[in-house]
Amino acid sequence: MSTVQEAVSNPFALMMDPDAIFAALARSERLPRLHSRICRPLDKAPAARADVVESAAFDEAVDAVDEPEF
């Protein structure tokens, strides 16, 4: 088994030779073609849309109604 196959089959081996991993990343042809998106969880939430606010108000009104007991 080659060292590359050995490293792939044992993820802990990747930690032992990070320079080889960085070199493999630099040689990769497929990696730059991947679509990526940067997510920042501490960003502000998007502004509430009017339809969401209306449906939330409707939900609260429905929840406030007493249900008859049978």
C-alpha atoms as a PDB file:
ATOM      1  CA  MET A   1       0.000   0.000   0.000  1.00  0.00           C
ATOM      2  CA  SER A   2       1.429   3.400  -0.936  1.00  0.00           C
ATOM      3  CA  THR A   3       1.779   6.180   1.625  1.00  0.00           C
ATOM      4  CA  VAL A   4      -0.989   8.195  -0.052  1.00  0.00           C
ATOM      5  CA  GLN A   5      -3.442   5.290   0.196  1.00  0.00           C
ATOM      6  CA  GLU A   6      -2.269   4.646   3.745  1.00  0.00           C
ATOM      7  CA  ALA A   7      -2.925   8.284   4.706  1.00  0.00           C
ATOM      8  CA  VAL A   8      -6.385   8.187   3.161  1.00  0.00           C
ATOM      9  CA  SER A   9      -7.318   4.999   4.989  1.00  0.00           C
ATOM     10  CA  ASN A  10      -6.023   6.353   8.312  1.00  0.00           C
ATOM     11  CA  PRO A  11      -7.123   9.940   8.972  1.00  0.00           C
ATOM     12  CA  PHE A  12      -4.805  10.198  11.979  1.00  0.00           C
ATOM     13  CA  ALA A  13      -1.831   9.699   9.653  1.00  0.00           C
ATOM     14  CA  LEU A  14      -2.808  12.992   8.008  1.00  0.00           C
ATOM     15  CA  MET A  15      -1.895  14.810  11.216  1.00  0.00           C
ATOM     16  CA  MET A  16       1.600  13.362  11.161  1.00  0.00           C
ATOM     17  CA  ASP A  17       2.587  14.901   7.813  1.00  0.00           C
ATOM     18  CA  PRO A  18       0.629  18.125   7.228  1.00  0.00           C
ATOM     19  CA  ASP A  19       3.127  19.353   4.599  1.00  0.00           C
ATOM     20  CA  ALA A  20       2.260  16.397   2.373  1.00  0.00           C
ATOM     21  CA  ILE A  21      -1.427  17.246   2.733  1.00  0.00           C
ATOM     22  CA  PHE A  22      -0.861  20.900   1.820  1.00  0.00           C
ATOM     23  CA  ALA A  23       1.190  19.800  -1.188  1.00  0.00           C
ATOM     24  CA  ALA A  24      -1.585  17.460  -2.297  1.00  0.00           C
ATOM     25  CA  LEU A  25      -4.108  20.291  -1.943  1.00  0.00           C
ATOM     26  CA  ALA A  26      -1.925  22.536  -4.089  1.00  0.00           C
ATOM     27  CA  ARG A  27      -1.658  19.834  -6.796  1.00  0.00           C
ATOM     28  CA  SER A  28      -5.386  19.126  -6.855  1.00  0.00           C
ATOM     29  CA  GLU A  29      -7.174  19.982 -10.092  1.00  0.00           C
ATOM     30  CA  ARG A  30     -10.680  19.360  -8.749  1.00  0.00           C
ATOM     31  CA  LEU A  31     -10.431  21.342  -5.516  1.00  0.00           C
ATOM     32  CA  PRO A  32     -10.489  24.849  -7.056  1.00  0.00           C
ATOM     33  CA  ARG A  33     -13.600  23.919  -9.059  1.00  0.00           C
ATOM     34  CA  LEU A  34     -15.636  23.267  -5.932  1.00  0.00           C
ATOM     35  CA  HIS A  35     -18.356  25.799  -5.241  1.00  0.00           C
ATOM     36  CA  SER A  36     -18.044  27.249  -1.776  1.00  0.00           C
ATOM     37  CA  ARG A  37     -19.848  29.743   0.361  1.00  0.00           C
ATOM     38  CA  ILE A  38     -18.490  31.463   3.433  1.00  0.00           C
ATOM     39  CA  CYS A  39     -20.901  31.269   6.353  1.00  0.00           C
ATOM     40  CA  ARG A  40     -20.450  33.621   9.250  1.00  0.00           C
ATOM     41  CA  PRO A  41     -22.768  32.538  12.064  1.00  0.00           C
ATOM     42  CA  LEU A  42     -22.349  35.813  13.934  1.00  0.00           C
ATOM     43  CA  ASP A  43     -23.708  37.866  11.041  1.00  0.00           C
ATOM     44  CA  LYS A  44     -26.987  39.655  11.604  1.00  0.00           C
ATOM     45  CA  ALA A  45     -30.101  37.730  10.691  1.00  0.00           C
ATOM     46  CA  PRO A  46     -31.917  38.973   7.597  1.00  0.00           C
ATOM     47  CA  ALA A  47     -34.747  41.420   8.226  1.00  0.00           C
ATOM     48  CA  ALA A  48     -38.111  39.838   8.876  1.00  0.00           C
ATOM     49  CA  ARG A  49     -40.348  39.711   5.835  1.00  0.00           C
ATOM     50  CA  ALA A  50     -43.892  41.074   6.026  1.00  0.00           C
ATOM     51  CA  ASP A  51     -45.523  37.726   5.226  1.00  0.00           C
ATOM     52  CA  VAL A  52     -43.590  36.038   8.030  1.00  0.00           C
ATOM     53  CA  VAL A  53     -44.667  38.728  10.485  1.00  0.00           C
ATOM     54  CA  GLU A  54     -48.301  38.382   9.373  1.00  0.00           C
ATOM     55  CA  SER A  55     -48.274  34.613   9.718  1.00  0.00           C
ATOM     56  CA  ALA A  56     -46.688  34.895  13.178  1.00  0.00           C
ATOM     57  CA  ALA A  57     -49.444  37.297  14.243  1.00  0.00           C
ATOM     58  CA  PHE A  58     -52.079  34.880  12.887  1.00  0.00           C
ATOM     59  CA  ASP A  59     -50.472  31.974  14.765  1.00  0.00           C
ATOM     60  CA  GLU A  60     -50.544  33.965  18.013  1.00  0.00           C
ATOM     61  CA  ALA A  61     -54.213  34.854  17.482  1.00  0.00           C
ATOM     62  CA  VAL A  62     -55.125  31.209  16.871  1.00  0.00           C
ATOM     63  CA  ASP A  63     -53.164  30.084  19.922  1.00  0.00           C
ATOM     64  CA  ALA A  64     -54.955  32.692  22.084  1.00  0.00           C
ATOM     65  CA  VAL A  65     -58.429  31.277  21.311  1.00  0.00           C
ATOM     66  CA  ASP A  66     -59.758  28.954  24.001  1.00  0.00           C
ATOM     67  CA  GLU A  67     -60.630  25.536  22.683  1.00  0.00           C
ATOM     68  CA  PRO A  68     -63.893  24.030  23.857  1.00  0.00           C
ATOM     69  CA  GLU A  69     -63.649  20.836  25.852  1.00  0.00           C
ATOM     70  CA  PHE A  70     -65.754  17.899  24.690  1.00  0.00           C
END
